PDB file of N, CA and C in Angstrom:
ATOM      1  N   MET A   1     -11.926 -24.842  36.476  1.00  0.00           N
ATOM      2  CA  MET A   1     -12.325 -24.442  35.129  1.00  0.00           C
ATOM      3  C   MET A   1     -11.318 -23.634  34.742  1.00  0.00           C
ATOM      4  N   THR A   2     -10.720 -23.789  33.387  1.00  0.00           N
ATOM      5  CA  THR A   2      -9.725 -23.083  32.807  1.00  0.00           C
ATOM      6  C   THR A   2     -10.326 -22.154  31.820  1.00  0.00           C
ATOM      7  N   GLN A   3      -9.908 -20.945  32.002  1.00  0.00           N
ATOM      8  CA  GLN A   3     -10.124 -19.907  31.023  1.00  0.00           C
ATOM      9  C   GLN A   3      -9.086 -19.318  30.162  1.00  0.00           C
ATOM     10  N   THR A   4      -9.296 -19.260  28.926  1.00  0.00           N
ATOM     11  CA  THR A   4      -8.153 -18.699  27.914  1.00  0.00           C
ATOM     12  C   THR A   4      -8.573 -17.250  27.561  1.00  0.00           C
ATOM     13  N   ALA A   5      -7.480 -16.462  27.514  1.00  0.00           N
ATOM     14  CA  ALA A   5      -7.679 -15.037  27.154  1.00  0.00           C
ATOM     15  C   ALA A   5      -7.669 -15.054  25.509  1.00  0.00           C
ATOM     16  N   GLU A   6      -8.337 -14.418  24.880  1.00  0.00           N
ATOM     17  CA  GLU A   6      -8.242 -14.042  23.507  1.00  0.00           C
ATOM     18  C   GLU A   6      -7.637 -12.747  23.182  1.00  0.00           C
ATOM     19  N   THR A   7      -6.794 -12.696  22.142  1.00  0.00           N
ATOM     20  CA  THR A   7      -6.362 -11.332  21.889  1.00  0.00           C
ATOM     21  C   THR A   7      -7.198 -10.879  20.626  1.00  0.00           C
ATOM     22  N   LEU A   8      -7.681  -9.596  20.797  1.00  0.00           N
ATOM     23  CA  LEU A   8      -8.487  -9.070  19.854  1.00  0.00           C
ATOM     24  C   LEU A   8      -7.396  -7.884  19.143  1.00  0.00           C
ATOM     25  N   VAL A   9      -7.419  -7.861  17.764  1.00  0.00           N
ATOM     26  CA  VAL A   9      -6.755  -6.874  17.155  1.00  0.00           C
ATOM     27  C   VAL A   9      -7.754  -5.824  16.664  1.00  0.00           C
ATOM     28  N   PHE A  10      -7.356  -4.771  17.063  1.00  0.00           N
ATOM     29  CA  PHE A  10      -8.218  -3.626  16.829  1.00  0.00           C
ATOM     30  C   PHE A  10      -7.550  -2.578  15.960  1.00  0.00           C
ATOM     31  N   ASN A  11      -8.165  -1.984  14.768  1.00  0.00           N
ATOM     32  CA  ASN A  11      -7.554  -1.159  13.906  1.00  0.00           C
ATOM     33  C   ASN A  11      -8.249   0.068  13.983  1.00  0.00           C
ATOM     34  N   PRO A  12      -7.893   1.137  14.813  1.00  0.00           N
ATOM     35  CA  PRO A  12      -8.692   2.347  14.977  1.00  0.00           C
ATOM     36  C   PRO A  12      -8.878   3.258  13.662  1.00  0.00           C
ATOM     37  N   SER A  13      -7.847   3.064  12.731  1.00  0.00           N
ATOM     38  CA  SER A  13      -8.040   3.764  11.685  1.00  0.00           C
ATOM     39  C   SER A  13      -8.922   3.293  10.611  1.00  0.00           C
ATOM     40  N   PRO A  14      -9.819   4.108  10.125  1.00  0.00           N
ATOM     41  CA  PRO A  14     -10.609   3.674   8.953  1.00  0.00           C
ATOM     42  C   PRO A  14     -10.059   3.430   7.783  1.00  0.00           C
ATOM     43  N   LEU A  15     -10.609   2.683   6.916  1.00  0.00           N
ATOM     44  CA  LEU A  15     -10.280   2.404   5.594  1.00  0.00           C
ATOM     45  C   LEU A  15     -10.193   3.668   4.624  1.00  0.00           C
ATOM     46  N   ARG A  16      -9.051   3.936   3.936  1.00  0.00           N
ATOM     47  CA  ARG A  16      -9.022   5.135   3.186  1.00  0.00           C
ATOM     48  C   ARG A  16      -8.679   4.760   1.800  1.00  0.00           C
ATOM     49  N   LEU A  17      -9.190   5.437   0.784  1.00  0.00           N
ATOM     50  CA  LEU A  17      -8.709   5.068  -0.549  1.00  0.00           C
ATOM     51  C   LEU A  17      -8.145   6.298  -1.103  1.00  0.00           C
ATOM     52  N   LEU A  18      -6.813   5.998  -1.893  1.00  0.00           N
ATOM     53  CA  LEU A  18      -6.124   7.123  -2.464  1.00  0.00           C
ATOM     54  C   LEU A  18      -6.257   7.146  -3.949  1.00  0.00           C
ATOM     55  N   LYS A  19      -6.139   8.398  -4.382  1.00  0.00           N
ATOM     56  CA  LYS A  19      -6.230   8.683  -5.970  1.00  0.00           C
ATOM     57  C   LYS A  19      -4.771   8.507  -6.278  1.00  0.00           C
ATOM     58  N   LEU A  20      -4.627   8.367  -7.408  1.00  0.00           N
ATOM     59  CA  LEU A  20      -3.182   8.182  -8.056  1.00  0.00           C
ATOM     60  C   LEU A  20      -2.114   9.327  -7.607  1.00  0.00           C
ATOM     61  N   ASP A  21      -2.668  10.572  -7.682  1.00  0.00           N
ATOM     62  CA  ASP A  21      -1.965  11.720  -7.323  1.00  0.00           C
ATOM     63  C   ASP A  21      -1.469  11.489  -5.714  1.00  0.00           C
ATOM     64  N   GLU A  22      -2.292  11.016  -4.855  1.00  0.00           N
ATOM     65  CA  GLU A  22      -1.841  10.742  -3.452  1.00  0.00           C
ATOM     66  C   GLU A  22      -0.949   9.587  -3.345  1.00  0.00           C
ATOM     67  N   VAL A  23      -1.143   8.574  -4.344  1.00  0.00           N
ATOM     68  CA  VAL A  23      -0.254   7.429  -4.140  1.00  0.00           C
ATOM     69  C   VAL A  23       1.329   8.024  -4.813  1.00  0.00           C
ATOM     70  N   LYS A  24       1.213   8.758  -5.655  1.00  0.00           N
ATOM     71  CA  LYS A  24       2.516   9.466  -6.163  1.00  0.00           C
ATOM     72  C   LYS A  24       3.304  10.192  -5.163  1.00  0.00           C
ATOM     73  N   ALA A  25       2.298  10.983  -4.554  1.00  0.00           N
ATOM     74  CA  ALA A  25       2.919  11.869  -3.472  1.00  0.00           C
ATOM     75  C   ALA A  25       3.585  11.048  -2.179  1.00  0.00           C
ATOM     76  N   LYS A  26       2.961  10.079  -1.803  1.00  0.00           N
ATOM     77  CA  LYS A  26       3.276   9.205  -0.728  1.00  0.00           C
ATOM     78  C   LYS A  26       4.546   8.314  -1.053  1.00  0.00           C
ATOM     79  N   THR A  27       4.521   8.075  -2.364  1.00  0.00           N
ATOM     80  CA  THR A  27       5.760   7.033  -2.795  1.00  0.00           C
ATOM     81  C   THR A  27       6.964   7.571  -3.408  1.00  0.00           C
ATOM     82  N   SER A  28       6.647   9.019  -3.837  1.00  0.00           N
ATOM     83  CA  SER A  28       7.600   9.586  -4.785  1.00  0.00           C
ATOM     84  C   SER A  28       7.871   8.895  -5.783  1.00  0.00           C
ATOM     85  N   LEU A  29       6.952   8.177  -6.418  1.00  0.00           N
ATOM     86  CA  LEU A  29       6.970   7.431  -7.783  1.00  0.00           C
ATOM     87  C   LEU A  29       6.286   7.994  -8.823  1.00  0.00           C
ATOM     88  N   GLY A  30       6.472   7.926 -10.122  1.00  0.00           N
ATOM     89  CA  GLY A  30       5.685   8.522 -11.174  1.00  0.00           C
ATOM     90  C   GLY A  30       4.728   7.449 -11.486  1.00  0.00           C
ATOM     91  N   SER A  31       3.710   7.981 -12.363  1.00  0.00           N
ATOM     92  CA  SER A  31       2.651   7.204 -12.684  1.00  0.00           C
ATOM     93  C   SER A  31       3.093   5.853 -13.342  1.00  0.00           C
ATOM     94  N   SER A  32       4.136   6.122 -14.413  1.00  0.00           N
ATOM     95  CA  SER A  32       4.773   4.874 -15.125  1.00  0.00           C
ATOM     96  C   SER A  32       5.281   4.034 -14.457  1.00  0.00           C
ATOM     97  N   THR A  33       6.291   4.389 -13.321  1.00  0.00           N
ATOM     98  CA  THR A  33       6.662   3.314 -12.481  1.00  0.00           C
ATOM     99  C   THR A  33       5.610   2.767 -11.644  1.00  0.00           C
ATOM    100  N   ILE A  34       4.705   3.359 -11.128  1.00  0.00           N
ATOM    101  CA  ILE A  34       3.816   2.478 -10.339  1.00  0.00           C
ATOM    102  C   ILE A  34       3.042   1.559 -11.003  1.00  0.00           C
ATOM    103  N   TYR A  35       2.622   1.896 -12.318  1.00  0.00           N
ATOM    104  CA  TYR A  35       1.982   0.857 -13.174  1.00  0.00           C
ATOM    105  C   TYR A  35       2.840  -0.180 -13.612  1.00  0.00           C
ATOM    106  N   ARG A  36       4.161  -0.063 -13.677  1.00  0.00           N
ATOM    107  CA  ARG A  36       5.151  -0.923 -14.165  1.00  0.00           C
ATOM    108  C   ARG A  36       5.359  -2.013 -13.034  1.00  0.00           C
ATOM    109  N   TYR A  37       5.297  -1.394 -11.822  1.00  0.00           N
ATOM    110  CA  TYR A  37       5.645  -2.132 -10.668  1.00  0.00           C
ATOM    111  C   TYR A  37       4.312  -2.945 -10.294  1.00  0.00           C
ATOM    112  N   ILE A  38       3.165  -2.514 -10.497  1.00  0.00           N
ATOM    113  CA  ILE A  38       1.812  -3.363 -10.620  1.00  0.00           C
ATOM    114  C   ILE A  38       1.964  -4.669 -11.559  1.00  0.00           C
ATOM    115  N   ASP A  39       2.403  -4.228 -12.803  1.00  0.00           N
ATOM    116  CA  ASP A  39       2.519  -5.170 -13.922  1.00  0.00           C
ATOM    117  C   ASP A  39       3.554  -6.448 -13.454  1.00  0.00           C
ATOM    118  N   ASP A  40       4.661  -5.889 -12.738  1.00  0.00           N
ATOM    119  CA  ASP A  40       5.588  -6.887 -12.222  1.00  0.00           C
ATOM    120  C   ASP A  40       5.276  -7.566 -10.998  1.00  0.00           C
ATOM    121  N   GLY A  41       4.000  -7.234 -10.304  1.00  0.00           N
ATOM    122  CA  GLY A  41       3.691  -7.664  -9.140  1.00  0.00           C
ATOM    123  C   GLY A  41       4.421  -7.117  -7.894  1.00  0.00           C
ATOM    124  N   LEU A  42       5.150  -6.000  -8.116  1.00  0.00           N
ATOM    125  CA  LEU A  42       5.722  -5.316  -6.954  1.00  0.00           C
ATOM    126  C   LEU A  42       5.137  -4.278  -6.253  1.00  0.00           C
ATOM    127  N   PHE A  43       3.913  -3.904  -6.663  1.00  0.00           N
ATOM    128  CA  PHE A  43       3.102  -2.883  -6.005  1.00  0.00           C
ATOM    129  C   PHE A  43       1.600  -3.256  -5.814  1.00  0.00           C
ATOM    130  N   PRO A  44       1.049  -2.744  -4.927  1.00  0.00           N
ATOM    131  CA  PRO A  44      -0.476  -3.232  -4.633  1.00  0.00           C
ATOM    132  C   PRO A  44      -1.374  -2.748  -5.881  1.00  0.00           C
ATOM    133  N   ARG A  45      -2.279  -3.605  -6.147  1.00  0.00           N
ATOM    134  CA  ARG A  45      -3.232  -3.332  -7.297  1.00  0.00           C
ATOM    135  C   ARG A  45      -4.299  -2.375  -6.847  1.00  0.00           C
ATOM    136  N   PRO A  46      -4.639  -1.217  -7.598  1.00  0.00           N
ATOM    137  CA  PRO A  46      -5.795  -0.481  -7.287  1.00  0.00           C
ATOM    138  C   PRO A  46      -6.983  -1.188  -7.319  1.00  0.00           C
ATOM    139  N   ARG A  47      -8.059  -0.764  -6.643  1.00  0.00           N
ATOM    140  CA  ARG A  47      -9.487  -1.254  -6.688  1.00  0.00           C
ATOM    141  C   ARG A  47     -10.200  -0.445  -7.597  1.00  0.00           C
ATOM    142  N   LYS A  48     -11.132  -1.129  -8.538  1.00  0.00           N
ATOM    143  CA  LYS A  48     -12.089  -0.398  -9.359  1.00  0.00           C
ATOM    144  C   LYS A  48     -12.985   0.290  -8.488  1.00  0.00           C
ATOM    145  N   VAL A  49     -13.375   1.505  -8.641  1.00  0.00           N
ATOM    146  CA  VAL A  49     -14.586   2.249  -7.627  1.00  0.00           C
ATOM    147  C   VAL A  49     -15.550   2.655  -8.782  1.00  0.00           C
ATOM    148  N   GLY A  50     -15.303   2.595 -10.090  1.00  0.00           N
ATOM    149  CA  GLY A  50     -16.321   3.227 -11.038  1.00  0.00           C
ATOM    150  C   GLY A  50     -15.926   2.717 -12.392  1.00  0.00           C
ATOM    151  N   ALA A  51     -16.665   3.311 -13.362  1.00  0.00           N
ATOM    152  CA  ALA A  51     -16.417   2.965 -14.649  1.00  0.00           C
ATOM    153  C   ALA A  51     -15.184   3.379 -15.200  1.00  0.00           C
ATOM    154  N   MET A  52     -14.656   4.429 -14.689  1.00  0.00           N
ATOM    155  CA  MET A  52     -13.190   4.771 -15.152  1.00  0.00           C
ATOM    156  C   MET A  52     -12.473   5.456 -13.901  1.00  0.00           C
ATOM    157  N   ALA A  53     -12.748   4.727 -12.801  1.00  0.00           N
ATOM    158  CA  ALA A  53     -11.905   5.182 -11.518  1.00  0.00           C
ATOM    159  C   ALA A  53     -11.259   4.054 -10.893  1.00  0.00           C
ATOM    160  N   VAL A  54     -10.054   4.287 -10.389  1.00  0.00           N
ATOM    161  CA  VAL A  54      -9.454   3.405  -9.429  1.00  0.00           C
ATOM    162  C   VAL A  54      -8.879   4.118  -8.373  1.00  0.00           C
ATOM    163  N   ARG A  55      -8.849   3.309  -7.069  1.00  0.00           N
ATOM    164  CA  ARG A  55      -8.304   3.773  -5.911  1.00  0.00           C
ATOM    165  C   ARG A  55      -7.418   2.725  -5.201  1.00  0.00           C
ATOM    166  N   TRP A  56      -6.507   3.102  -4.584  1.00  0.00           N
ATOM    167  CA  TRP A  56      -5.539   2.252  -3.814  1.00  0.00           C
ATOM    168  C   TRP A  56      -5.904   2.200  -2.212  1.00  0.00           C
ATOM    169  N   LEU A  57      -5.870   1.228  -1.604  1.00  0.00           N
ATOM    170  CA  LEU A  57      -6.122   1.168  -0.110  1.00  0.00           C
ATOM    171  C   LEU A  57      -4.708   1.844   0.562  1.00  0.00           C
ATOM    172  N   GLU A  58      -5.042   2.781   1.251  1.00  0.00           N
ATOM    173  CA  GLU A  58      -3.871   3.491   1.928  1.00  0.00           C
ATOM    174  C   GLU A  58      -3.056   2.461   2.760  1.00  0.00           C
ATOM    175  N   SER A  59      -3.708   1.577   3.516  1.00  0.00           N
ATOM    176  CA  SER A  59      -3.049   0.626   4.300  1.00  0.00           C
ATOM    177  C   SER A  59      -2.017  -0.284   3.510  1.00  0.00           C
ATOM    178  N   GLU A  60      -2.426  -0.689   2.113  1.00  0.00           N
ATOM    179  CA  GLU A  60      -1.641  -1.486   1.323  1.00  0.00           C
ATOM    180  C   GLU A  60      -0.379  -0.581   0.826  1.00  0.00           C
ATOM    181  N   VAL A  61      -0.633   0.634   0.496  1.00  0.00           N
ATOM    182  CA  VAL A  61       0.477   1.602   0.146  1.00  0.00           C
ATOM    183  C   VAL A  61       1.502   1.806   1.227  1.00  0.00           C
ATOM    184  N   ASP A  62       0.831   1.972   2.371  1.00  0.00           N
ATOM    185  CA  ASP A  62       1.699   2.294   3.456  1.00  0.00           C
ATOM    186  C   ASP A  62       2.550   1.036   3.847  1.00  0.00           C
ATOM    187  N   ASP A  63       1.912  -0.203   3.859  1.00  0.00           N
ATOM    188  CA  ASP A  63       2.635  -1.524   4.018  1.00  0.00           C
ATOM    189  C   ASP A  63       3.822  -1.697   2.953  1.00  0.00           C
ATOM    190  N   TRP A  64       3.641  -1.226   1.611  1.00  0.00           N
ATOM    191  CA  TRP A  64       4.458  -1.342   0.576  1.00  0.00           C
ATOM    192  C   TRP A  64       5.625  -0.448   1.003  1.00  0.00           C
ATOM    193  N   ILE A  65       5.462   0.723   1.530  1.00  0.00           N
ATOM    194  CA  ILE A  65       6.558   1.708   1.680  1.00  0.00           C
ATOM    195  C   ILE A  65       7.428   1.137   3.007  1.00  0.00           C
ATOM    196  N   VAL A  66       6.596   0.634   3.894  1.00  0.00           N
ATOM    197  CA  VAL A  66       7.378   0.201   5.198  1.00  0.00           C
ATOM    198  C   VAL A  66       8.197  -1.063   4.818  1.00  0.00           C
ATOM    199  N   ASN A  67       7.795  -1.896   3.834  1.00  0.00           N
ATOM    200  CA  ASN A  67       8.470  -3.088   3.746  1.00  0.00           C
ATOM    201  C   ASN A  67       9.308  -3.128   2.533  1.00  0.00           C
ATOM    202  N   ARG A  68       9.257  -2.063   1.772  1.00  0.00           N
ATOM    203  CA  ARG A  68      10.223  -2.061   0.591  1.00  0.00           C
ATOM    204  C   ARG A  68      11.695  -2.002   1.087  1.00  0.00           C
ATOM    205  N   PRO A  69      12.496  -2.641   0.573  1.00  0.00           N
ATOM    206  CA  PRO A  69      13.997  -2.827   0.632  1.00  0.00           C
ATOM    207  C   PRO A  69      14.675  -1.377   0.535  1.00  0.00           C
ATOM    208  N   PRO A  70      15.578  -1.014   1.415  1.00  0.00           N
ATOM    209  CA  PRO A  70      16.239   0.173   0.994  1.00  0.00           C
ATOM    210  C   PRO A  70      16.900   0.119  -0.322  1.00  0.00           C
ATOM    211  N   THR A  71      16.974   1.441  -0.850  1.00  0.00           N
ATOM    212  CA  THR A  71      17.652   1.441  -2.294  1.00  0.00           C
ATOM    213  C   THR A  71      19.075   2.316  -2.133  1.00  0.00           C
ATOM    214  N   GLY A  72      19.606   2.300  -3.087  1.00  0.00           N
ATOM    215  CA  GLY A  72      20.862   3.049  -3.058  1.00  0.00           C
ATOM    216  C   GLY A  72      22.062   2.079  -3.228  1.00  0.00           C
ATOM    217  N   ARG A  73      23.225   2.732  -3.479  1.00  0.00           N
ATOM    218  CA  ARG A  73      24.509   1.894  -3.509  1.00  0.00           C
ATOM    219  C   ARG A  73      24.924   1.401  -2.032  1.00  0.00           C
ATOM    220  N   SER A  74      25.435   0.140  -1.980  1.00  0.00           N
ATOM    221  CA  SER A  74      26.024  -0.199  -0.819  1.00  0.00           C
ATOM    222  C   SER A  74      27.429   0.193  -0.890  1.00  0.00           C
ATOM    223  N   SER A  75      27.856   0.521   0.196  1.00  0.00           N
ATOM    224  CA  SER A  75      29.341   1.071   0.426  1.00  0.00           C
ATOM    225  C   SER A  75      30.212  -0.189   0.768  1.00  0.00           C
ATOM    226  N   SER A  76      31.019  -0.673  -0.147  1.00  0.00           N
ATOM    227  CA  SER A  76      31.686  -1.821  -0.031  1.00  0.00           C
ATOM    228  C   SER A  76      33.154  -1.635  -0.122  1.00  0.00           C
TER     229      SER A  76
END
């Protein structure tokens, strides 16, 4: 009898929702830039959590930070 091992992925950190001020602090971006990037498809969309409230998933913002290409001038 052959047994196969299954790999389980466990994420120990709970989901956390961020307010705009927290997103700005984590990314060092201003509100206008964040919303422009969202419109351009370059930044995660927030989730609507109330009639006039939105929040971002911290994991999506963190992924954006990690996967963002480096900026600045290249020295050629």
